[in-house]
Amino acid sequence: MPYFDAASSAPLHPVARQALQASLDEGWADPARLYKEGRRARLLLDAAREAAAEAVGCRADELVFTASGTRAVHSGIAGALAGRRRAGRHLIVSAVEHSSVLHSAEVFEADGGTVTQVAVDRAGAVTAEAYGEALRPETALACLQSANHEVGTRQPVAAVAGVCREAGVPLLVDAAQSLGWGRVEGDWSLLTASAHKWGGPSGVGLLVVRKGVRFAAQGPVDERESGRAPGFENIPAVVAAAASLRAVRAEAAEETVRLRELTERIRARVPQLVPDVEVVGDPERRLPGIVTFSCLYVDGETLLHELDRAGFSVSSGSSCTSSTLTPSHVLKAMGVLSEGNVRVSLPLGAPEEDVERFLGVLPGAVAAVREKLGAPVPETVVSRDVLVVDARGKRCPIPVIELAKVIGDVPVGGTVRVLSDDEAARLDIPAWCEMRGQEYLGEEPADHGCAYVVRRIA
């Protein structure tokens, strides 16, 4: 069964499996002890740290292993903010950061700090100029992912790091998605990553704090990992993480070319094979293995089930796949269609024939979901050149389907008011207008929801 969700968690690399099994017999003892077994465990831990530091491009004594990538983010942000408390209590993040960064920002804000979210363009990218404008005299820390986890867009880390460095503000880079493909360029100050993203075992994260960066570890600490990651080190997992990082880096150049060709094939052919599709993310500045697209008039959860039955494991940022029915914050920040969203993230070694079979299965899966949804004929009230569609109580993608069915019933220049209480409509109706060449006039308050107003111009 083809696994196309490597951005969530990559399959365990064969080198990681071998290193894990081998180190189980050698790395079980306490590396802080001076007897033979402890010294042997310490040698394994030190060697893994040296290998990981070489891959990151930092000193070994700047890198510590944490219990997860999320823990690395939380510890890194909290420690950097505490270390620079005298500088101020202002934090900068991008609007498309991983939830671990945004949750840290929420905690900081609840504790009295202030947070600025930097907006992105429709490709999901920030600009160094926007980060420069967000900087204040009281800014303690800025955060920026190296590449986006949902759409694959690479961020201008080096340029942003330069702006922050000039202002004397440290930059923390979440490199979880990109570290397996290469070093993060630029004069960054802190870096985090997660081993399961590159084919290492889960439960191992990296936190790098450059020398000279003010940092105060928060919470109870001990002598482990320079006091920045308390608790007994999982040496077998750490060894496997470092070994697999070195292994995937050795394959990266060749796999970058191969996977980029496959994802470019998906980007080009999906709109040809499936009508009413928007491919999102930067077409050039992106990770090689990720491609994301959204399908109009499709329930994302149902589509994922259809593809799963056909033998393909993919993920989605659609609000329809969430129990909260809240659209993906990444897609929302980009201002692109969220309904019927599919993220394909190819693992290392993904066969070309699997991609071709996916392209063969996808049109039928989308058509089946659209047919199942049907969309009942909406109740409408015509008043002059205004048509009202009451889609309250109906979830994505039904409000957009009903809008599409009635837009032709008003003359050019007339308007349609779509009444909806689904949060996703706020994103999907403007996206539909852009895709279909209609004019979105905005939203108005309405009983039990909002009225989204669309003018027919074609």
Protein backbone atom coordinates (compact mmCIF):
# COMPACT_ATOMS: atom_id res chain seq x y z
CA MET A 1 0.00 0.00 0.00
CA PRO A 2 1.67 3.28 -1.10
CA TYR A 3 2.36 5.56 1.86
CA PHE A 4 2.19 9.20 0.75
CA ASP A 5 2.24 10.97 4.13
CA ALA A 6 5.97 11.27 4.83
CA ALA A 7 5.57 14.91 5.94
CA SER A 8 3.68 13.64 8.98
CA SER A 9 6.10 10.83 9.74
CA ALA A 10 8.56 9.14 7.40
CA PRO A 11 8.93 5.35 7.39
CA LEU A 12 11.79 4.11 9.56
CA HIS A 13 14.95 4.19 7.46
CA PRO A 14 16.79 0.83 7.16
CA VAL A 15 19.92 2.42 8.63
CA ALA A 16 17.90 3.62 11.63
CA ARG A 17 16.59 0.12 12.19
CA GLN A 18 20.09 -1.37 12.04
CA ALA A 19 21.56 1.27 14.35
CA LEU A 20 18.70 0.90 16.82
CA GLN A 21 19.08 -2.85 17.05
CA ALA A 22 22.86 -2.69 17.34
CA SER A 23 22.88 -0.02 20.04
CA LEU A 24 20.31 -1.80 22.21
CA ASP A 25 23.09 -4.09 23.38
CA GLU A 26 25.62 -1.31 23.96
CA GLY A 27 23.69 1.81 24.94
CA TRP A 28 21.55 0.71 27.87
CA ALA A 29 23.78 1.92 30.70
CA ASP A 30 23.90 5.37 32.32
CA PRO A 31 26.29 7.52 30.24
CA ALA A 32 27.02 9.63 33.32
CA ARG A 33 28.70 6.72 35.10
CA LEU A 34 32.44 6.02 35.01
CA TYR A 35 32.41 2.23 34.84
CA LYS A 36 32.89 0.31 31.61
CA GLU A 37 29.22 0.06 30.56
CA GLY A 38 28.66 3.75 31.30
CA ARG A 39 31.74 4.77 29.30
CA ARG A 40 30.54 2.66 26.37
CA ALA A 41 27.12 4.33 26.47
CA ARG A 42 28.78 7.76 26.68
CA LEU A 43 30.86 7.01 23.59
CA LEU A 44 27.69 6.16 21.64
CA LEU A 45 25.93 9.32 22.84
CA ASP A 46 28.91 11.55 22.04
CA ALA A 47 29.33 10.01 18.59
CA ALA A 48 25.63 10.55 17.82
CA ARG A 49 25.88 14.16 18.97
CA GLU A 50 28.93 14.77 16.77
CA ALA A 51 27.17 13.25 13.75
CA ALA A 52 23.99 15.27 14.29
CA ALA A 53 25.96 18.49 14.84
CA GLU A 54 27.89 17.93 11.62
CA ALA A 55 24.60 17.49 9.74
CA VAL A 56 23.13 20.63 11.27
CA GLY A 57 26.30 22.68 10.88
CA CYS A 58 26.85 23.57 14.52
CA ARG A 59 29.19 22.72 17.39
CA ALA A 60 28.50 19.49 19.25
CA ASP A 61 28.22 21.34 22.56
CA GLU A 62 25.46 23.53 21.07
CA LEU A 63 23.17 20.56 20.39
CA VAL A 64 21.05 18.58 22.84
CA PHE A 65 18.64 15.69 22.28
CA THR A 66 15.06 16.10 23.51
CA ALA A 67 12.12 13.74 23.91
CA SER A 68 10.45 15.00 20.71
CA GLY A 69 10.51 17.77 18.15
CA THR A 70 7.57 19.42 19.90
CA ARG A 71 9.48 19.38 23.19
CA ALA A 72 12.46 20.95 21.42
CA VAL A 73 10.24 23.77 20.14
CA HIS A 74 8.58 24.38 23.50
CA SER A 75 11.89 24.31 25.38
CA GLY A 76 13.67 26.43 22.79
CA ILE A 77 11.05 29.18 22.70
CA ALA A 78 10.53 29.27 26.48
CA GLY A 79 14.26 29.29 27.19
CA ALA A 80 15.06 31.99 24.65
CA LEU A 81 12.23 34.23 25.84
CA ALA A 82 13.27 33.80 29.47
CA GLY A 83 16.91 34.44 28.64
CA ARG A 84 16.02 37.75 26.97
CA ARG A 85 13.30 38.88 29.36
CA ARG A 86 15.20 42.10 30.05
CA ALA A 87 15.16 42.93 26.33
CA GLY A 88 11.36 42.79 26.26
CA ARG A 89 8.34 40.53 26.01
CA HIS A 90 7.52 40.56 22.31
CA LEU A 91 7.55 37.46 20.10
CA ILE A 92 7.32 37.24 16.31
CA VAL A 93 6.03 34.17 14.46
CA SER A 94 4.74 33.55 10.96
CA ALA A 95 1.05 32.81 10.42
CA VAL A 96 1.85 29.35 9.03
CA GLU A 97 4.11 27.98 11.78
CA HIS A 98 3.63 24.46 13.11
CA SER A 99 1.07 24.21 15.91
CA SER A 100 3.85 23.59 18.44
CA VAL A 101 5.19 27.10 17.79
CA LEU A 102 1.74 28.69 17.82
CA HIS A 103 0.83 26.92 21.07
CA SER A 104 4.02 28.25 22.66
CA ALA A 105 3.04 31.72 21.46
CA GLU A 106 -0.41 31.33 23.02
CA VAL A 107 1.12 30.40 26.39
CA PHE A 108 3.50 33.37 26.20
CA GLU A 109 0.64 35.73 25.35
CA ALA A 110 -1.50 34.37 28.19
CA ASP A 111 1.40 35.13 30.53
CA GLY A 112 1.42 38.79 29.52
CA GLY A 113 3.66 38.76 26.46
CA THR A 114 2.74 40.18 23.07
CA VAL A 115 2.85 38.25 19.81
CA THR A 116 2.97 39.45 16.21
CA GLN A 117 1.98 37.05 13.43
CA VAL A 118 3.63 37.84 10.09
CA ALA A 119 1.31 37.29 7.13
CA VAL A 120 2.19 35.14 4.11
CA ASP A 121 1.38 35.39 0.41
CA ARG A 122 -0.83 32.95 -1.51
CA ALA A 123 2.17 30.65 -1.91
CA GLY A 124 2.61 30.51 1.86
CA ALA A 125 5.85 32.52 2.05
CA VAL A 126 6.88 35.42 4.25
CA THR A 127 9.26 38.20 3.31
CA ALA A 128 12.29 39.48 5.20
CA GLU A 129 10.82 42.96 4.89
CA ALA A 130 7.69 41.88 6.76
CA TYR A 131 9.81 40.49 9.59
CA GLY A 132 11.77 43.72 9.65
CA GLU A 133 8.55 45.72 9.99
CA ALA A 134 7.40 43.46 12.84
CA LEU A 135 10.57 44.00 14.89
CA ARG A 136 10.31 46.29 17.91
CA PRO A 137 12.82 47.52 20.48
CA GLU A 138 11.24 45.07 22.96
CA THR A 139 11.32 42.05 20.64
CA ALA A 140 12.90 39.11 22.47
CA LEU A 141 12.65 36.37 19.83
CA ALA A 142 11.51 35.65 16.28
CA CYS A 143 10.50 32.22 14.96
CA LEU A 144 10.32 30.95 11.39
CA GLN A 145 9.97 27.48 9.94
CA SER A 146 12.47 26.51 7.25
CA ALA A 147 9.73 24.94 5.11
CA ASN A 148 6.00 24.53 5.54
CA HIS A 149 4.66 21.17 6.67
CA GLU A 150 1.36 21.40 4.75
CA VAL A 151 2.27 22.87 1.37
CA GLY A 152 6.06 22.46 1.20
CA THR A 153 6.90 26.13 0.60
CA ARG A 154 10.46 27.02 1.65
CA GLN A 155 10.89 30.20 3.65
CA PRO A 156 13.63 32.84 3.11
CA VAL A 157 15.37 31.91 6.35
CA ALA A 158 18.76 33.40 5.51
CA ALA A 159 17.27 36.78 4.62
CA VAL A 160 15.06 36.85 7.72
CA ALA A 161 17.99 35.79 9.91
CA GLY A 162 20.02 38.68 8.51
CA VAL A 163 17.30 41.19 9.36
CA CYS A 164 16.95 39.78 12.88
CA ARG A 165 20.71 39.68 13.44
CA GLU A 166 21.02 43.33 12.44
CA ALA A 167 18.37 44.19 15.03
CA GLY A 168 20.06 42.05 17.69
CA VAL A 169 17.12 39.61 17.89
CA PRO A 170 17.71 35.85 17.86
CA LEU A 171 15.86 33.73 15.28
CA LEU A 172 14.60 30.25 16.13
CA VAL A 173 14.18 28.02 13.07
CA ASP A 174 11.85 25.03 13.09
CA ALA A 175 13.72 22.79 10.65
CA ALA A 176 11.63 19.65 11.16
CA GLN A 177 10.56 19.34 7.52
CA SER A 178 13.78 20.35 5.80
CA LEU A 179 16.74 19.09 7.86
CA GLY A 180 16.78 15.71 6.12
CA TRP A 181 17.30 17.51 2.80
CA GLY A 182 20.18 19.75 3.88
CA ARG A 183 21.50 22.35 6.29
CA VAL A 184 19.52 25.46 7.07
CA GLU A 185 21.42 28.42 5.67
CA GLY A 186 21.72 31.78 7.35
CA ASP A 187 22.86 33.26 10.64
CA TRP A 188 20.11 31.73 12.79
CA SER A 189 20.42 31.49 16.58
CA LEU A 190 18.34 28.46 17.60
CA LEU A 191 17.14 25.43 15.65
CA THR A 192 14.77 22.55 16.34
CA ALA A 193 14.05 19.31 14.47
CA SER A 194 12.38 15.92 14.88
CA ALA A 195 13.91 12.57 13.92
CA HIS A 196 10.72 10.89 12.75
CA LYS A 197 10.45 13.45 9.94
CA TRP A 198 13.58 12.10 8.22
CA GLY A 199 13.15 8.38 8.90
CA GLY A 200 14.57 8.19 12.40
CA PRO A 201 12.65 6.78 15.37
CA SER A 202 9.92 8.79 17.01
CA GLY A 203 10.64 10.30 20.41
CA VAL A 204 13.89 12.07 19.48
CA GLY A 205 14.16 15.80 18.87
CA LEU A 206 17.06 18.21 18.39
CA LEU A 207 17.52 21.59 20.04
CA VAL A 208 20.46 23.74 19.00
CA VAL A 209 21.34 26.94 20.88
CA ARG A 210 24.26 28.84 19.39
CA LYS A 211 27.00 30.05 21.67
CA GLY A 212 26.35 33.60 22.82
CA VAL A 213 22.54 33.31 22.69
CA ARG A 214 20.97 34.18 26.02
CA PHE A 215 19.03 31.12 27.16
CA ALA A 216 17.46 30.14 30.49
CA ALA A 217 16.03 26.63 30.61
CA GLN A 218 12.56 26.58 32.14
CA GLY A 219 11.09 24.09 34.55
CA PRO A 220 12.92 21.54 36.69
CA VAL A 221 16.33 20.69 35.23
CA ASP A 222 19.08 18.19 35.95
CA GLU A 223 22.59 17.53 34.71
CA ARG A 224 21.40 15.75 31.56
CA GLU A 225 21.87 17.40 28.16
CA SER A 226 23.43 20.58 29.53
CA GLY A 227 20.38 21.08 31.73
CA ARG A 228 18.19 21.77 28.69
CA ALA A 229 16.51 18.35 28.33
CA PRO A 230 16.08 16.62 31.69
CA GLY A 231 15.71 12.87 31.97
CA PHE A 232 17.64 9.74 31.07
CA GLU A 233 18.79 9.79 27.44
CA ASN A 234 17.27 7.18 25.09
CA ILE A 235 20.66 6.32 23.65
CA PRO A 236 19.56 3.61 21.16
CA ALA A 237 16.95 5.97 19.67
CA VAL A 238 19.42 8.87 19.62
CA VAL A 239 22.02 6.75 17.83
CA ALA A 240 19.41 5.62 15.29
CA ALA A 241 18.29 9.22 14.73
CA ALA A 242 21.82 10.44 14.02
CA ALA A 243 22.64 7.47 11.80
CA SER A 244 19.49 7.89 9.73
CA LEU A 245 20.06 11.64 9.36
CA ARG A 246 23.50 10.96 7.94
CA ALA A 247 22.05 8.26 5.65
CA VAL A 248 19.24 10.39 4.20
CA ARG A 249 21.66 13.24 3.63
CA ALA A 250 23.81 10.90 1.54
CA GLU A 251 20.74 10.14 -0.61
CA ALA A 252 19.37 13.68 -0.66
CA ALA A 253 20.92 15.01 -3.86
CA GLU A 254 19.70 12.14 -6.01
CA GLU A 255 16.31 11.86 -4.32
CA THR A 256 15.73 15.63 -4.58
CA VAL A 257 15.90 15.44 -8.37
CA ARG A 258 13.77 12.31 -8.59
CA LEU A 259 11.03 13.31 -6.15
CA ARG A 260 10.82 16.84 -7.53
CA GLU A 261 10.11 15.39 -10.97
CA LEU A 262 7.37 13.20 -9.53
CA THR A 263 5.71 16.03 -7.59
CA GLU A 264 5.94 18.33 -10.60
CA ARG A 265 4.14 15.62 -12.55
CA ILE A 266 1.38 15.59 -9.94
CA ARG A 267 1.16 19.40 -9.90
CA ALA A 268 0.80 19.52 -13.68
CA ARG A 269 -1.52 16.57 -14.24
CA VAL A 270 -4.01 16.81 -11.38
CA PRO A 271 -5.67 19.97 -12.82
CA GLN A 272 -5.81 18.24 -16.21
CA LEU A 273 -7.39 15.09 -14.80
CA VAL A 274 -9.76 16.61 -12.23
CA PRO A 275 -11.88 19.71 -12.91
CA ASP A 276 -12.15 22.53 -10.37
CA VAL A 277 -8.83 21.94 -8.59
CA GLU A 278 -6.43 24.47 -7.08
CA VAL A 279 -2.80 23.41 -6.59
CA VAL A 280 -1.31 25.39 -3.70
CA GLY A 281 2.18 26.20 -2.44
CA ASP A 282 5.16 27.77 -4.19
CA PRO A 283 5.84 25.95 -7.49
CA GLU A 284 9.60 26.54 -7.27
CA ARG A 285 10.75 27.30 -3.71
CA ARG A 286 9.42 24.10 -2.14
CA LEU A 287 10.49 20.80 -0.67
CA PRO A 288 10.95 18.12 -3.31
CA GLY A 289 8.47 15.56 -1.98
CA ILE A 290 5.36 17.59 -1.09
CA VAL A 291 2.47 18.63 -3.34
CA THR A 292 -0.89 19.90 -2.10
CA PHE A 293 -4.13 20.57 -3.95
CA SER A 294 -7.76 21.31 -3.08
CA CYS A 295 -10.87 20.11 -4.93
CA LEU A 296 -14.06 22.13 -5.13
CA TYR A 297 -17.33 20.49 -4.04
CA VAL A 298 -15.53 17.71 -2.16
CA ASP A 299 -15.65 16.60 1.48
CA GLY A 300 -11.99 16.16 2.42
CA GLU A 301 -12.58 13.38 4.91
CA THR A 302 -14.67 11.36 2.47
CA LEU A 303 -12.05 11.80 -0.23
CA LEU A 304 -9.30 10.54 2.08
CA HIS A 305 -11.41 7.47 2.85
CA GLU A 306 -11.93 6.85 -0.88
CA LEU A 307 -8.19 7.06 -1.53
CA ASP A 308 -7.48 4.83 1.47
CA ARG A 309 -9.83 2.19 0.06
CA ALA A 310 -7.95 2.47 -3.22
CA GLY A 311 -4.69 1.78 -1.36
CA PHE A 312 -3.21 5.27 -0.88
CA SER A 313 -2.33 6.90 2.45
CA VAL A 314 -2.49 10.70 2.12
CA SER A 315 -3.36 13.53 4.49
CA SER A 316 -5.41 16.71 4.34
CA GLY A 317 -5.64 20.23 5.72
CA SER A 318 -9.36 20.37 5.01
CA SER A 319 -11.64 21.47 7.81
CA CYS A 320 -13.82 18.48 6.99
CA THR A 321 -11.19 16.13 8.41
CA SER A 322 -11.22 17.84 11.81
CA SER A 323 -13.66 17.26 14.63
CA THR A 324 -13.62 21.01 15.27
CA LEU A 325 -14.53 21.79 11.66
CA THR A 326 -11.88 24.54 11.72
CA PRO A 327 -10.01 25.08 8.44
CA SER A 328 -6.27 24.54 8.33
CA HIS A 329 -4.58 27.63 9.73
CA VAL A 330 -1.98 27.35 6.97
CA LEU A 331 -4.50 27.32 4.11
CA LYS A 332 -6.50 30.04 5.83
CA ALA A 333 -3.44 32.29 6.16
CA MET A 334 -2.65 31.73 2.47
CA GLY A 335 -6.20 32.62 1.44
CA VAL A 336 -6.59 29.50 -0.71
CA LEU A 337 -9.31 26.89 -1.03
CA SER A 338 -9.46 24.52 1.95
CA GLU A 339 -12.26 22.14 1.01
CA GLY A 340 -11.32 18.79 -0.49
CA ASN A 341 -7.66 19.36 0.41
CA VAL A 342 -5.13 16.59 -0.27
CA ARG A 343 -1.45 16.61 0.72
CA VAL A 344 0.79 14.11 -1.02
CA SER A 345 4.20 13.81 0.63
CA LEU A 346 6.41 11.18 -0.97
CA PRO A 347 8.90 9.22 1.14
CA LEU A 348 12.43 8.47 -0.01
CA GLY A 349 12.38 5.78 -2.66
CA ALA A 350 8.72 6.27 -3.63
CA PRO A 351 8.30 4.35 -6.93
CA GLU A 352 7.24 6.18 -10.08
CA GLU A 353 4.61 3.51 -10.79
CA ASP A 354 2.88 4.29 -7.47
CA VAL A 355 2.58 7.94 -8.48
CA GLU A 356 1.16 6.96 -11.86
CA ARG A 357 -1.36 4.66 -10.21
CA PHE A 358 -2.36 7.46 -7.83
CA LEU A 359 -2.99 9.75 -10.81
CA GLY A 360 -5.10 7.02 -12.33
CA VAL A 361 -7.19 6.52 -9.19
CA LEU A 362 -7.68 10.17 -8.17
CA PRO A 363 -10.21 11.30 -10.84
CA GLY A 364 -12.58 8.45 -10.05
CA ALA A 365 -12.26 9.02 -6.30
CA VAL A 366 -13.08 12.73 -6.62
CA ALA A 367 -15.98 12.03 -8.99
CA ALA A 368 -17.38 9.42 -6.57
CA VAL A 369 -17.28 11.85 -3.65
CA ARG A 370 -18.94 14.61 -5.68
CA GLU A 371 -21.67 12.21 -6.75
CA LYS A 372 -22.23 11.01 -3.17
CA LEU A 373 -22.55 14.56 -1.88
CA GLY A 374 -25.14 15.40 -4.50
CA ALA A 375 -26.06 18.74 -2.92
CA PRO A 376 -29.86 19.22 -2.70
CA VAL A 377 -31.47 22.01 -4.70
CA PRO A 378 -31.28 24.98 -2.36
CA GLU A 379 -34.29 26.99 -1.29
CA THR A 380 -33.91 30.39 -2.91
CA VAL A 381 -35.70 33.70 -2.75
CA VAL A 382 -35.32 36.05 -5.72
CA SER A 383 -35.62 39.76 -5.06
CA ARG A 384 -34.76 41.97 -8.00
CA ASP A 385 -31.18 41.02 -8.93
CA VAL A 386 -30.39 39.46 -5.55
CA LEU A 387 -30.63 35.73 -4.88
CA VAL A 388 -30.39 34.33 -1.35
CA VAL A 389 -29.08 30.83 -0.65
CA ASP A 390 -29.72 29.52 2.84
CA ALA A 391 -26.95 27.00 3.55
CA ARG A 392 -27.01 27.32 7.33
CA GLY A 393 -26.58 24.03 9.11
CA LYS A 394 -24.68 22.57 6.15
CA ARG A 395 -20.96 21.90 6.29
CA CYS A 396 -18.26 22.21 3.68
CA PRO A 397 -18.35 21.83 0.77
CA ILE A 398 -22.18 22.16 0.54
CA PRO A 399 -22.35 26.01 0.79
CA VAL A 400 -19.95 26.32 -2.16
CA ILE A 401 -21.79 23.65 -4.15
CA GLU A 402 -25.08 25.50 -3.68
CA LEU A 403 -23.47 28.80 -4.68
CA ALA A 404 -22.09 27.21 -7.85
CA LYS A 405 -25.51 25.79 -8.75
CA VAL A 406 -27.35 29.12 -8.55
CA ILE A 407 -24.81 31.68 -9.77
CA GLY A 408 -26.18 31.31 -13.27
CA ASP A 409 -29.70 32.18 -12.08
CA VAL A 410 -28.85 35.85 -11.59
CA PRO A 411 -27.99 38.24 -14.41
CA VAL A 412 -24.46 39.54 -14.87
CA GLY A 413 -24.05 42.25 -12.25
CA GLY A 414 -26.52 40.57 -9.90
CA THR A 415 -25.53 39.18 -6.54
CA VAL A 416 -25.90 36.01 -4.52
CA ARG A 417 -26.02 36.13 -0.72
CA VAL A 418 -24.94 32.79 0.77
CA LEU A 419 -26.09 32.35 4.36
CA SER A 420 -23.75 29.99 6.20
CA ASP A 421 -22.71 29.20 9.77
CA ASP A 422 -19.74 27.05 8.69
CA GLU A 423 -16.38 28.67 9.51
CA ALA A 424 -14.83 27.16 6.37
CA ALA A 425 -17.17 29.24 4.16
CA ARG A 426 -15.24 32.38 5.15
CA LEU A 427 -12.23 30.95 3.32
CA ASP A 428 -13.77 28.75 0.63
CA ILE A 429 -16.29 31.18 -0.90
CA PRO A 430 -13.67 33.87 -1.69
CA ALA A 431 -11.37 31.13 -3.03
CA TRP A 432 -14.19 29.84 -5.27
CA CYS A 433 -14.78 33.36 -6.59
CA GLU A 434 -11.14 33.73 -7.57
CA MET A 435 -11.10 30.33 -9.26
CA ARG A 436 -14.38 30.93 -11.16
CA GLY A 437 -13.86 34.57 -12.12
CA GLN A 438 -16.62 36.02 -9.93
CA GLU A 439 -16.39 39.02 -7.59
CA TYR A 440 -16.42 38.48 -3.84
CA LEU A 441 -17.95 41.52 -2.15
CA GLY A 442 -17.38 40.47 1.46
CA GLU A 443 -19.45 39.24 4.37
CA GLU A 444 -22.32 40.73 6.29
CA PRO A 445 -23.77 39.79 9.68
CA ALA A 446 -26.78 37.49 9.61
CA ASP A 447 -28.85 35.53 12.07
CA HIS A 448 -27.02 32.33 13.06
CA GLY A 449 -24.02 32.91 10.82
CA CYS A 450 -22.86 35.26 8.08
CA ALA A 451 -24.02 36.31 4.64
CA TYR A 452 -21.29 35.99 2.01
CA VAL A 453 -22.01 38.26 -0.94
CA VAL A 454 -20.90 37.36 -4.47
CA ARG A 455 -21.47 39.42 -7.63
CA ARG A 456 -21.74 37.61 -10.93
CA ILE A 457 -19.38 39.19 -13.45
CA ALA A 458 -19.13 36.37 -15.98
